[in-house]
Amino acid sequence: MNPEVMTIVKHLSRYLRNHPDACDTSEGIARWWIDADLPPAPAATVEAALGWMSSCGVVESLHAADGRTRYRRASEADNLDAKLDALADDPQALMPQVGAHRRPPRVH
């Protein structure tokens, strides 16, 4: 996994753990959810991190009436807080649970 994506996954996992009702677009997430001590994250990096987290079952996307996609904590995930904690420590911690047929997106 790209180290920049790993860093974003860690930050987003902590954010969702501390803000369970958070929901925003990838642009809003890049602007508001990622710590100010990090350099601004490119949209592709944030979207790759969200894709990874979605594949791990901790994030889900919603298609809003305005046509934009918003992301939030997965509503039906088992042990979600434990999974977010694991991702905050090591974004590859849930890799075996992703499965052989569903792999997280790669960033080139």
Protein backbone atom coordinates (compact mmCIF):
# COMPACT_ATOMS: atom_id res chain seq x y z
CA MET A 1 0.00 0.00 0.00
CA ASN A 2 1.15 3.51 -0.78
CA PRO A 3 2.60 5.12 2.42
CA GLU A 4 0.58 8.30 1.87
CA VAL A 5 -2.65 6.29 1.66
CA MET A 6 -1.61 4.40 4.81
CA THR A 7 -1.19 7.69 6.67
CA ILE A 8 -4.63 8.90 5.56
CA VAL A 9 -6.25 5.59 6.58
CA LYS A 10 -4.74 5.95 10.05
CA HIS A 11 -6.03 9.50 10.44
CA LEU A 12 -9.48 8.74 9.07
CA SER A 13 -9.80 5.69 11.33
CA ARG A 14 -9.03 7.79 14.39
CA TYR A 15 -11.40 10.52 13.20
CA LEU A 16 -14.29 8.09 12.70
CA ARG A 17 -13.60 6.51 16.08
CA ASN A 18 -13.87 9.93 17.75
CA HIS A 19 -16.71 11.26 15.56
CA PRO A 20 -19.08 8.34 14.96
CA ASP A 21 -21.76 10.47 13.28
CA ALA A 22 -19.40 12.14 10.79
CA CYS A 23 -20.43 12.08 7.14
CA ASP A 24 -18.90 14.08 4.28
CA THR A 25 -17.70 14.08 0.68
CA SER A 26 -14.11 13.14 -0.13
CA GLU A 27 -13.37 16.85 -0.60
CA GLY A 28 -14.82 17.69 2.82
CA ILE A 29 -12.95 14.80 4.38
CA ALA A 30 -9.67 16.00 2.88
CA ARG A 31 -10.31 19.49 4.21
CA TRP A 32 -11.84 18.87 7.64
CA TRP A 33 -11.10 15.34 8.87
CA ILE A 34 -7.37 15.10 8.29
CA ASP A 35 -5.11 16.61 10.92
CA ALA A 36 -3.80 20.08 10.20
CA ASP A 37 -0.23 18.92 10.94
CA LEU A 38 -0.25 16.88 7.71
CA PRO A 39 0.32 18.38 4.29
CA PRO A 40 -2.88 18.68 2.23
CA ALA A 41 -3.83 15.30 0.80
CA PRO A 42 -4.57 15.01 -2.92
CA ALA A 43 -8.12 13.91 -3.72
CA ALA A 44 -6.86 10.67 -5.30
CA THR A 45 -5.05 9.75 -2.07
CA VAL A 46 -8.12 10.41 0.08
CA GLU A 47 -10.32 8.46 -2.32
CA ALA A 48 -7.86 5.54 -2.31
CA ALA A 49 -7.90 5.55 1.51
CA LEU A 50 -11.70 5.60 1.54
CA GLY A 51 -11.75 2.76 -0.98
CA TRP A 52 -9.40 0.72 1.21
CA MET A 53 -11.54 1.39 4.26
CA SER A 54 -14.68 0.48 2.35
CA SER A 55 -13.08 -2.82 1.27
CA CYS A 56 -12.24 -3.48 4.92
CA GLY A 57 -15.90 -2.92 5.83
CA VAL A 58 -15.50 0.15 8.05
CA VAL A 59 -16.69 2.88 5.66
CA GLU A 60 -19.74 3.04 3.43
CA SER A 61 -20.69 5.48 0.71
CA LEU A 62 -24.03 7.18 0.25
CA HIS A 63 -25.22 8.82 -2.95
CA ALA A 64 -26.96 12.05 -2.01
CA ALA A 65 -29.76 13.83 -3.88
CA ASP A 66 -27.26 16.42 -5.09
CA GLY A 67 -25.38 13.67 -6.95
CA ARG A 68 -22.36 13.75 -4.67
CA THR A 69 -21.02 10.76 -2.77
CA ARG A 70 -20.66 11.02 0.98
CA TYR A 71 -18.78 8.67 3.29
CA ARG A 72 -19.49 7.57 6.86
CA ARG A 73 -18.83 4.73 9.28
CA ALA A 74 -20.30 1.46 8.09
CA SER A 75 -23.69 1.05 9.70
CA GLU A 76 -23.75 -2.74 9.82
CA ALA A 77 -20.16 -3.68 10.60
CA ASP A 78 -19.40 -6.09 13.42
CA ASN A 79 -16.80 -4.89 15.94
CA LEU A 80 -16.48 -1.58 14.09
CA ASP A 81 -14.63 0.25 16.87
CA ALA A 82 -12.09 -2.58 17.14
CA LYS A 83 -11.59 -2.55 13.36
CA LEU A 84 -11.08 1.22 13.33
CA ASP A 85 -8.59 0.90 16.19
CA ALA A 86 -6.71 -1.80 14.26
CA LEU A 87 -6.59 0.36 11.11
CA ALA A 88 -5.41 3.36 13.13
CA ASP A 89 -2.45 1.27 14.30
CA ASP A 90 -1.74 -0.61 11.06
CA PRO A 91 -3.82 -0.03 7.90
CA GLN A 92 -2.90 -3.50 6.65
CA ALA A 93 -4.20 -5.17 9.82
CA LEU A 94 -7.52 -6.08 8.20
CA MET A 95 -6.03 -7.17 4.88
CA PRO A 96 -6.89 -10.90 5.34
CA GLN A 97 -10.52 -9.97 5.96
CA VAL A 98 -10.76 -8.16 2.64
CA GLY A 99 -10.90 -11.49 0.81
CA ALA A 100 -9.36 -12.91 -2.31
CA HIS A 101 -12.00 -11.54 -4.68
CA ARG A 102 -12.27 -8.02 -3.30
CA ARG A 103 -8.95 -6.25 -3.13
CA PRO A 104 -8.50 -2.65 -2.04
CA PRO A 105 -7.76 -0.19 -4.83
CA ARG A 106 -4.15 0.54 -5.73
CA VAL A 107 -2.75 4.00 -6.09
CA HIS A 108 -0.33 4.37 -8.99
